[in-house]
Amino acid sequence: MNLDEIKLKELLKTAIVELLQEQKEVLDDLFAEIMEDIAQYGSVKAKKLISDVKFRSFYSLSSTSVLRLFRAKL
């Protein structure tokens, strides 16, 4: 890195830090919304997983019951 690149890098760091400090409320709101979205996504995935497990359990039980009834009639 040459001197101009080092100065530019330091200037960008300073500008970003100042921006973050000045816009703290905006960033707090943004991160809160992001966390809510992540939580909702996780909730939707969990519900789908539970639904899939319930369906598989029901299907497994139904299949077992049908086989038992079929064998009983033989």
PDB file of N, CA and C in Angstrom:
ATOM      1  N   MET A   1       0.837  -1.177   0.000  1.00  0.00           N
ATOM      2  CA  MET A   1       0.000   0.000   0.000  1.00  0.00           C
ATOM      3  C   MET A   1       0.889   1.250   0.000  1.00  0.00           C
ATOM      4  N   ASN A   2       0.477   2.196  -0.804  1.00  0.00           N
ATOM      5  CA  ASN A   2       1.217   3.462  -0.774  1.00  0.00           C
ATOM      6  C   ASN A   2       0.534   4.426   0.189  1.00  0.00           C
ATOM      7  N   LEU A   3       1.108   5.563   0.366  1.00  0.00           N
ATOM      8  CA  LEU A   3       0.627   6.537   1.350  1.00  0.00           C
ATOM      9  C   LEU A   3      -0.799   6.998   1.058  1.00  0.00           C
ATOM     10  N   ASP A   4      -1.139   7.200  -0.218  1.00  0.00           N
ATOM     11  CA  ASP A   4      -2.494   7.633  -0.589  1.00  0.00           C
ATOM     12  C   ASP A   4      -3.522   6.568  -0.230  1.00  0.00           C
ATOM     13  N   GLU A   5      -3.201   5.308  -0.448  1.00  0.00           N
ATOM     14  CA  GLU A   5      -4.126   4.227  -0.116  1.00  0.00           C
ATOM     15  C   GLU A   5      -4.335   4.131   1.391  1.00  0.00           C
ATOM     16  N   ILE A   6      -3.263   4.316   2.147  1.00  0.00           N
ATOM     17  CA  ILE A   6      -3.357   4.276   3.603  1.00  0.00           C
ATOM     18  C   ILE A   6      -4.225   5.424   4.107  1.00  0.00           C
ATOM     19  N   LYS A   7      -4.015   6.627   3.562  1.00  0.00           N
ATOM     20  CA  LYS A   7      -4.823   7.786   3.957  1.00  0.00           C
ATOM     21  C   LYS A   7      -6.289   7.571   3.605  1.00  0.00           C
ATOM     22  N   LEU A   8      -6.537   7.028   2.409  1.00  0.00           N
ATOM     23  CA  LEU A   8      -7.905   6.772   1.975  1.00  0.00           C
ATOM     24  C   LEU A   8      -8.573   5.749   2.894  1.00  0.00           C
ATOM     25  N   LYS A   9      -7.848   4.704   3.238  1.00  0.00           N
ATOM     26  CA  LYS A   9      -8.389   3.672   4.115  1.00  0.00           C
ATOM     27  C   LYS A   9      -8.739   4.259   5.486  1.00  0.00           C
ATOM     28  N   GLU A  10      -7.864   5.063   6.052  1.00  0.00           N
ATOM     29  CA  GLU A  10      -8.124   5.693   7.343  1.00  0.00           C
ATOM     30  C   GLU A  10      -9.298   6.660   7.257  1.00  0.00           C
ATOM     31  N   LEU A  11      -9.372   7.414   6.160  1.00  0.00           N
ATOM     32  CA  LEU A  11     -10.468   8.355   5.961  1.00  0.00           C
ATOM     33  C   LEU A  11     -11.805   7.613   5.878  1.00  0.00           C
ATOM     34  N   LEU A  12     -11.827   6.497   5.153  1.00  0.00           N
ATOM     35  CA  LEU A  12     -13.053   5.703   5.045  1.00  0.00           C
ATOM     36  C   LEU A  12     -13.453   5.124   6.402  1.00  0.00           C
ATOM     37  N   LYS A  13     -12.485   4.634   7.151  1.00  0.00           N
ATOM     38  CA  LYS A  13     -12.777   4.101   8.483  1.00  0.00           C
ATOM     39  C   LYS A  13     -13.398   5.186   9.359  1.00  0.00           C
ATOM     40  N   THR A  14     -12.806   6.361   9.347  1.00  0.00           N
ATOM     41  CA  THR A  14     -13.309   7.478  10.148  1.00  0.00           C
ATOM     42  C   THR A  14     -14.724   7.855   9.720  1.00  0.00           C
ATOM     43  N   ALA A  15     -14.951   7.920   8.420  1.00  0.00           N
ATOM     44  CA  ALA A  15     -16.275   8.287   7.911  1.00  0.00           C
ATOM     45  C   ALA A  15     -17.321   7.246   8.313  1.00  0.00           C
ATOM     46  N   ILE A  16     -16.966   5.969   8.237  1.00  0.00           N
ATOM     47  CA  ILE A  16     -17.908   4.905   8.602  1.00  0.00           C
ATOM     48  C   ILE A  16     -18.224   4.968  10.089  1.00  0.00           C
ATOM     49  N   VAL A  17     -17.220   5.150  10.920  1.00  0.00           N
ATOM     50  CA  VAL A  17     -17.438   5.246  12.366  1.00  0.00           C
ATOM     51  C   VAL A  17     -18.347   6.430  12.691  1.00  0.00           C
ATOM     52  N   GLU A  18     -18.084   7.575  12.083  1.00  0.00           N
ATOM     53  CA  GLU A  18     -18.919   8.758  12.329  1.00  0.00           C
ATOM     54  C   GLU A  18     -20.351   8.523  11.869  1.00  0.00           C
ATOM     55  N   LEU A  19     -20.501   7.897  10.715  1.00  0.00           N
ATOM     56  CA  LEU A  19     -21.835   7.601  10.199  1.00  0.00           C
ATOM     57  C   LEU A  19     -22.587   6.685  11.153  1.00  0.00           C
ATOM     58  N   LEU A  20     -21.914   5.655  11.631  1.00  0.00           N
ATOM     59  CA  LEU A  20     -22.555   4.721  12.559  1.00  0.00           C
ATOM     60  C   LEU A  20     -22.963   5.413  13.854  1.00  0.00           C
ATOM     61  N   GLN A  21     -22.124   6.307  14.334  1.00  0.00           N
ATOM     62  CA  GLN A  21     -22.443   7.022  15.567  1.00  0.00           C
ATOM     63  C   GLN A  21     -23.607   7.981  15.360  1.00  0.00           C
ATOM     64  N   GLU A  22     -23.635   8.670  14.230  1.00  0.00           N
ATOM     65  CA  GLU A  22     -24.694   9.644  13.961  1.00  0.00           C
ATOM     66  C   GLU A  22     -26.025   8.969  13.642  1.00  0.00           C
ATOM     67  N   GLN A  23     -25.983   7.822  13.035  1.00  0.00           N
ATOM     68  CA  GLN A  23     -27.203   7.150  12.597  1.00  0.00           C
ATOM     69  C   GLN A  23     -27.537   5.943  13.483  1.00  0.00           C
ATOM     70  N   LYS A  24     -27.173   6.008  14.758  1.00  0.00           N
ATOM     71  CA  LYS A  24     -27.364   4.878  15.659  1.00  0.00           C
ATOM     72  C   LYS A  24     -28.819   4.418  15.730  1.00  0.00           C
ATOM     73  N   GLU A  25     -29.748   5.360  15.858  1.00  0.00           N
ATOM     74  CA  GLU A  25     -31.160   4.995  15.954  1.00  0.00           C
ATOM     75  C   GLU A  25     -31.636   4.284  14.690  1.00  0.00           C
ATOM     76  N   VAL A  26     -31.227   4.792  13.538  1.00  0.00           N
ATOM     77  CA  VAL A  26     -31.618   4.168  12.271  1.00  0.00           C
ATOM     78  C   VAL A  26     -31.064   2.754  12.195  1.00  0.00           C
ATOM     79  N   LEU A  27     -29.808   2.597  12.572  1.00  0.00           N
ATOM     80  CA  LEU A  27     -29.192   1.274  12.540  1.00  0.00           C
ATOM     81  C   LEU A  27     -29.823   0.336  13.562  1.00  0.00           C
ATOM     82  N   ASP A  28     -30.154   0.848  14.736  1.00  0.00           N
ATOM     83  CA  ASP A  28     -30.834   0.022  15.738  1.00  0.00           C
ATOM     84  C   ASP A  28     -32.162  -0.502  15.192  1.00  0.00           C
ATOM     85  N   ASP A  29     -32.924   0.380  14.553  1.00  0.00           N
ATOM     86  CA  ASP A  29     -34.197  -0.032  13.951  1.00  0.00           C
ATOM     87  C   ASP A  29     -33.980  -1.068  12.845  1.00  0.00           C
ATOM     88  N   LEU A  30     -32.974  -0.829  12.032  1.00  0.00           N
ATOM     89  CA  LEU A  30     -32.670  -1.761  10.946  1.00  0.00           C
ATOM     90  C   LEU A  30     -32.316  -3.142  11.487  1.00  0.00           C
ATOM     91  N   PHE A  31     -31.425  -3.181  12.484  1.00  0.00           N
ATOM     92  CA  PHE A  31     -31.037  -4.466  13.058  1.00  0.00           C
ATOM     93  C   PHE A  31     -32.205  -5.142  13.761  1.00  0.00           C
ATOM     94  N   ALA A  32     -33.073  -4.368  14.389  1.00  0.00           N
ATOM     95  CA  ALA A  32     -34.259  -4.942  15.030  1.00  0.00           C
ATOM     96  C   ALA A  32     -35.162  -5.595  13.990  1.00  0.00           C
ATOM     97  N   GLU A  33     -35.353  -4.933  12.857  1.00  0.00           N
ATOM     98  CA  GLU A  33     -36.167  -5.505  11.781  1.00  0.00           C
ATOM     99  C   GLU A  33     -35.526  -6.762  11.215  1.00  0.00           C
ATOM    100  N   ILE A  34     -34.220  -6.733  11.065  1.00  0.00           N
ATOM    101  CA  ILE A  34     -33.508  -7.908  10.556  1.00  0.00           C
ATOM    102  C   ILE A  34     -33.686  -9.083  11.523  1.00  0.00           C
ATOM    103  N   MET A  35     -33.555  -8.825  12.807  1.00  0.00           N
ATOM    104  CA  MET A  35     -33.706  -9.891  13.800  1.00  0.00           C
ATOM    105  C   MET A  35     -35.133 -10.440  13.797  1.00  0.00           C
ATOM    106  N   GLU A  36     -36.123  -9.566  13.640  1.00  0.00           N
ATOM    107  CA  GLU A  36     -37.515 -10.029  13.555  1.00  0.00           C
ATOM    108  C   GLU A  36     -37.717 -10.908  12.332  1.00  0.00           C
ATOM    109  N   ASP A  37     -37.152 -10.493  11.200  1.00  0.00           N
ATOM    110  CA  ASP A  37     -37.267 -11.288   9.975  1.00  0.00           C
ATOM    111  C   ASP A  37     -36.623 -12.657  10.147  1.00  0.00           C
ATOM    112  N   ILE A  38     -35.465 -12.683  10.778  1.00  0.00           N
ATOM    113  CA  ILE A  38     -34.784 -13.960  11.022  1.00  0.00           C
ATOM    114  C   ILE A  38     -35.626 -14.847  11.929  1.00  0.00           C
ATOM    115  N   ALA A  39     -36.199 -14.258  12.973  1.00  0.00           N
ATOM    116  CA  ALA A  39     -37.038 -15.022  13.899  1.00  0.00           C
ATOM    117  C   ALA A  39     -38.270 -15.574  13.183  1.00  0.00           C
ATOM    118  N   GLN A  40     -38.912 -14.749  12.351  1.00  0.00           N
ATOM    119  CA  GLN A  40     -40.085 -15.206  11.613  1.00  0.00           C
ATOM    120  C   GLN A  40     -39.716 -16.315  10.635  1.00  0.00           C
ATOM    121  N   TYR A  41     -38.594 -16.162   9.963  1.00  0.00           N
ATOM    122  CA  TYR A  41     -38.147 -17.198   9.029  1.00  0.00           C
ATOM    123  C   TYR A  41     -37.903 -18.506   9.765  1.00  0.00           C
ATOM    124  N   GLY A  42     -37.250 -18.407  10.927  1.00  0.00           N
ATOM    125  CA  GLY A  42     -37.005 -19.604  11.733  1.00  0.00           C
ATOM    126  C   GLY A  42     -38.302 -20.240  12.192  1.00  0.00           C
ATOM    127  N   SER A  43     -39.263 -19.414  12.559  1.00  0.00           N
ATOM    128  CA  SER A  43     -40.562 -19.915  12.993  1.00  0.00           C
ATOM    129  C   SER A  43     -41.280 -20.637  11.865  1.00  0.00           C
ATOM    130  N   VAL A  44     -41.241 -20.064  10.675  1.00  0.00           N
ATOM    131  CA  VAL A  44     -41.884 -20.688   9.513  1.00  0.00           C
ATOM    132  C   VAL A  44     -41.218 -22.022   9.198  1.00  0.00           C
ATOM    133  N   LYS A  45     -39.891 -22.056   9.228  1.00  0.00           N
ATOM    134  CA  LYS A  45     -39.166 -23.306   8.965  1.00  0.00           C
ATOM    135  C   LYS A  45     -39.503 -24.352  10.020  1.00  0.00           C
ATOM    136  N   ALA A  46     -39.580 -23.929  11.290  1.00  0.00           N
ATOM    137  CA  ALA A  46     -39.899 -24.867  12.368  1.00  0.00           C
ATOM    138  C   ALA A  46     -41.303 -25.431  12.186  1.00  0.00           C
ATOM    139  N   LYS A  47     -42.263 -24.573  11.835  1.00  0.00           N
ATOM    140  CA  LYS A  47     -43.636 -25.042  11.614  1.00  0.00           C
ATOM    141  C   LYS A  47     -43.694 -26.035  10.462  1.00  0.00           C
ATOM    142  N   LYS A  48     -42.954 -25.761   9.383  1.00  0.00           N
ATOM    143  CA  LYS A  48     -42.941 -26.675   8.248  1.00  0.00           C
ATOM    144  C   LYS A  48     -42.324 -28.007   8.649  1.00  0.00           C
ATOM    145  N   LEU A  49     -41.238 -27.953   9.407  1.00  0.00           N
ATOM    146  CA  LEU A  49     -40.585 -29.176   9.860  1.00  0.00           C
ATOM    147  C   LEU A  49     -41.525 -29.991  10.736  1.00  0.00           C
ATOM    148  N   ILE A  50     -42.212 -29.321  11.662  1.00  0.00           N
ATOM    149  CA  ILE A  50     -43.163 -30.011  12.534  1.00  0.00           C
ATOM    150  C   ILE A  50     -44.282 -30.616  11.704  1.00  0.00           C
ATOM    151  N   SER A  51     -44.772 -29.861  10.730  1.00  0.00           N
ATOM    152  CA  SER A  51     -45.831 -30.363   9.868  1.00  0.00           C
ATOM    153  C   SER A  51     -45.372 -31.592   9.095  1.00  0.00           C
ATOM    154  N   ASP A  52     -44.146 -31.544   8.564  1.00  0.00           N
ATOM    155  CA  ASP A  52     -43.601 -32.690   7.821  1.00  0.00           C
ATOM    156  C   ASP A  52     -43.462 -33.912   8.720  1.00  0.00           C
ATOM    157  N   VAL A  53     -42.994 -33.694   9.941  1.00  0.00           N
ATOM    158  CA  VAL A  53     -42.829 -34.808  10.881  1.00  0.00           C
ATOM    159  C   VAL A  53     -44.183 -35.394  11.232  1.00  0.00           C
ATOM    160  N   LYS A  54     -45.179 -34.537  11.484  1.00  0.00           N
ATOM    161  CA  LYS A  54     -46.526 -35.022  11.799  1.00  0.00           C
ATOM    162  C   LYS A  54     -47.084 -35.835  10.635  1.00  0.00           C
ATOM    163  N   PHE A  55     -46.894 -35.336   9.398  1.00  0.00           N
ATOM    164  CA  PHE A  55     -47.404 -36.052   8.231  1.00  0.00           C
ATOM    165  C   PHE A  55     -46.729 -37.412   8.106  1.00  0.00           C
ATOM    166  N   ARG A  56     -45.407 -37.419   8.266  1.00  0.00           N
ATOM    167  CA  ARG A  56     -44.675 -38.692   8.156  1.00  0.00           C
ATOM    168  C   ARG A  56     -45.109 -39.670   9.249  1.00  0.00           C
ATOM    169  N   SER A  57     -45.305 -39.146  10.468  1.00  0.00           N
ATOM    170  CA  SER A  57     -45.747 -40.007  11.568  1.00  0.00           C
ATOM    171  C   SER A  57     -47.136 -40.554  11.272  1.00  0.00           C
ATOM    172  N   PHE A  58     -48.033 -39.697  10.804  1.00  0.00           N
ATOM    173  CA  PHE A  58     -49.389 -40.127  10.467  1.00  0.00           C
ATOM    174  C   PHE A  58     -49.355 -41.152   9.347  1.00  0.00           C
ATOM    175  N   TYR A  59     -48.550 -40.880   8.321  1.00  0.00           N
ATOM    176  CA  TYR A  59     -48.451 -41.792   7.188  1.00  0.00           C
ATOM    177  C   TYR A  59     -47.898 -43.133   7.644  1.00  0.00           C
ATOM    178  N   SER A  60     -46.897 -43.097   8.496  1.00  0.00           N
ATOM    179  CA  SER A  60     -46.291 -44.322   9.007  1.00  0.00           C
ATOM    180  C   SER A  60     -47.304 -45.115   9.823  1.00  0.00           C
ATOM    181  N   LEU A  61     -48.027 -44.416  10.699  1.00  0.00           N
ATOM    182  CA  LEU A  61     -49.045 -45.093  11.502  1.00  0.00           C
ATOM    183  C   LEU A  61     -50.162 -45.639  10.624  1.00  0.00           C
ATOM    184  N   SER A  62     -50.576 -44.867   9.638  1.00  0.00           N
ATOM    185  CA  SER A  62     -51.644 -45.304   8.740  1.00  0.00           C
ATOM    186  C   SER A  62     -51.208 -46.521   7.951  1.00  0.00           C
ATOM    187  N   SER A  63     -49.996 -46.506   7.456  1.00  0.00           N
ATOM    188  CA  SER A  63     -49.483 -47.635   6.684  1.00  0.00           C
ATOM    189  C   SER A  63     -49.404 -48.876   7.550  1.00  0.00           C
ATOM    190  N   THR A  64     -48.936 -48.717   8.772  1.00  0.00           N
ATOM    191  CA  THR A  64     -48.845 -49.844   9.696  1.00  0.00           C
ATOM    192  C   THR A  64     -50.228 -50.381  10.003  1.00  0.00           C
ATOM    193  N   SER A  65     -51.180 -49.496  10.223  1.00  0.00           N
ATOM    194  CA  SER A  65     -52.551 -49.920  10.520  1.00  0.00           C
ATOM    195  C   SER A  65     -53.161 -50.659   9.347  1.00  0.00           C
ATOM    196  N   VAL A  66     -52.938 -50.166   8.157  1.00  0.00           N
ATOM    197  CA  VAL A  66     -53.474 -50.821   6.953  1.00  0.00           C
ATOM    198  C   VAL A  66     -52.865 -52.202   6.805  1.00  0.00           C
ATOM    199  N   LEU A  67     -51.575 -52.331   7.020  1.00  0.00           N
ATOM    200  CA  LEU A  67     -50.922 -53.645   6.922  1.00  0.00           C
ATOM    201  C   LEU A  67     -51.476 -54.609   7.965  1.00  0.00           C
ATOM    202  N   ARG A  68     -51.691 -54.125   9.168  1.00  0.00           N
ATOM    203  CA  ARG A  68     -52.256 -54.989  10.217  1.00  0.00           C
ATOM    204  C   ARG A  68     -53.655 -55.461   9.840  1.00  0.00           C
ATOM    205  N   LEU A  69     -54.464 -54.523   9.353  1.00  0.00           N
ATOM    206  CA  LEU A  69     -55.821 -54.909   8.944  1.00  0.00           C
ATOM    207  C   LEU A  69     -55.778 -55.901   7.785  1.00  0.00           C
ATOM    208  N   PHE A  70     -54.907 -55.664   6.835  1.00  0.00           N
ATOM    209  CA  PHE A  70     -54.784 -56.560   5.688  1.00  0.00           C
ATOM    210  C   PHE A  70     -54.354 -57.962   6.130  1.00  0.00           C
ATOM    211  N   ARG A  71     -53.380 -58.014   7.029  1.00  0.00           N
ATOM    212  CA  ARG A  71     -52.895 -59.310   7.526  1.00  0.00           C
ATOM    213  C   ARG A  71     -53.964 -60.017   8.353  1.00  0.00           C
ATOM    214  N   ALA A  72     -54.740 -59.251   9.105  1.00  0.00           N
ATOM    215  CA  ALA A  72     -55.776 -59.842   9.943  1.00  0.00           C
ATOM    216  C   ALA A  72     -56.860 -60.496   9.091  1.00  0.00           C
ATOM    217  N   LYS A  73     -57.123 -59.904   7.921  1.00  0.00           N
ATOM    218  CA  LYS A  73     -58.164 -60.432   7.036  1.00  0.00           C
ATOM    219  C   LYS A  73     -57.667 -61.656   6.272  1.00  0.00           C
ATOM    220  N   LEU A  74     -56.358 -61.838   6.188  1.00  0.00           N
ATOM    221  CA  LEU A  74     -55.811 -62.997   5.487  1.00  0.00           C
ATOM    222  C   LEU A  74     -55.939 -64.159   6.385  1.00  0.00           C
TER     223      LEU A  74
END
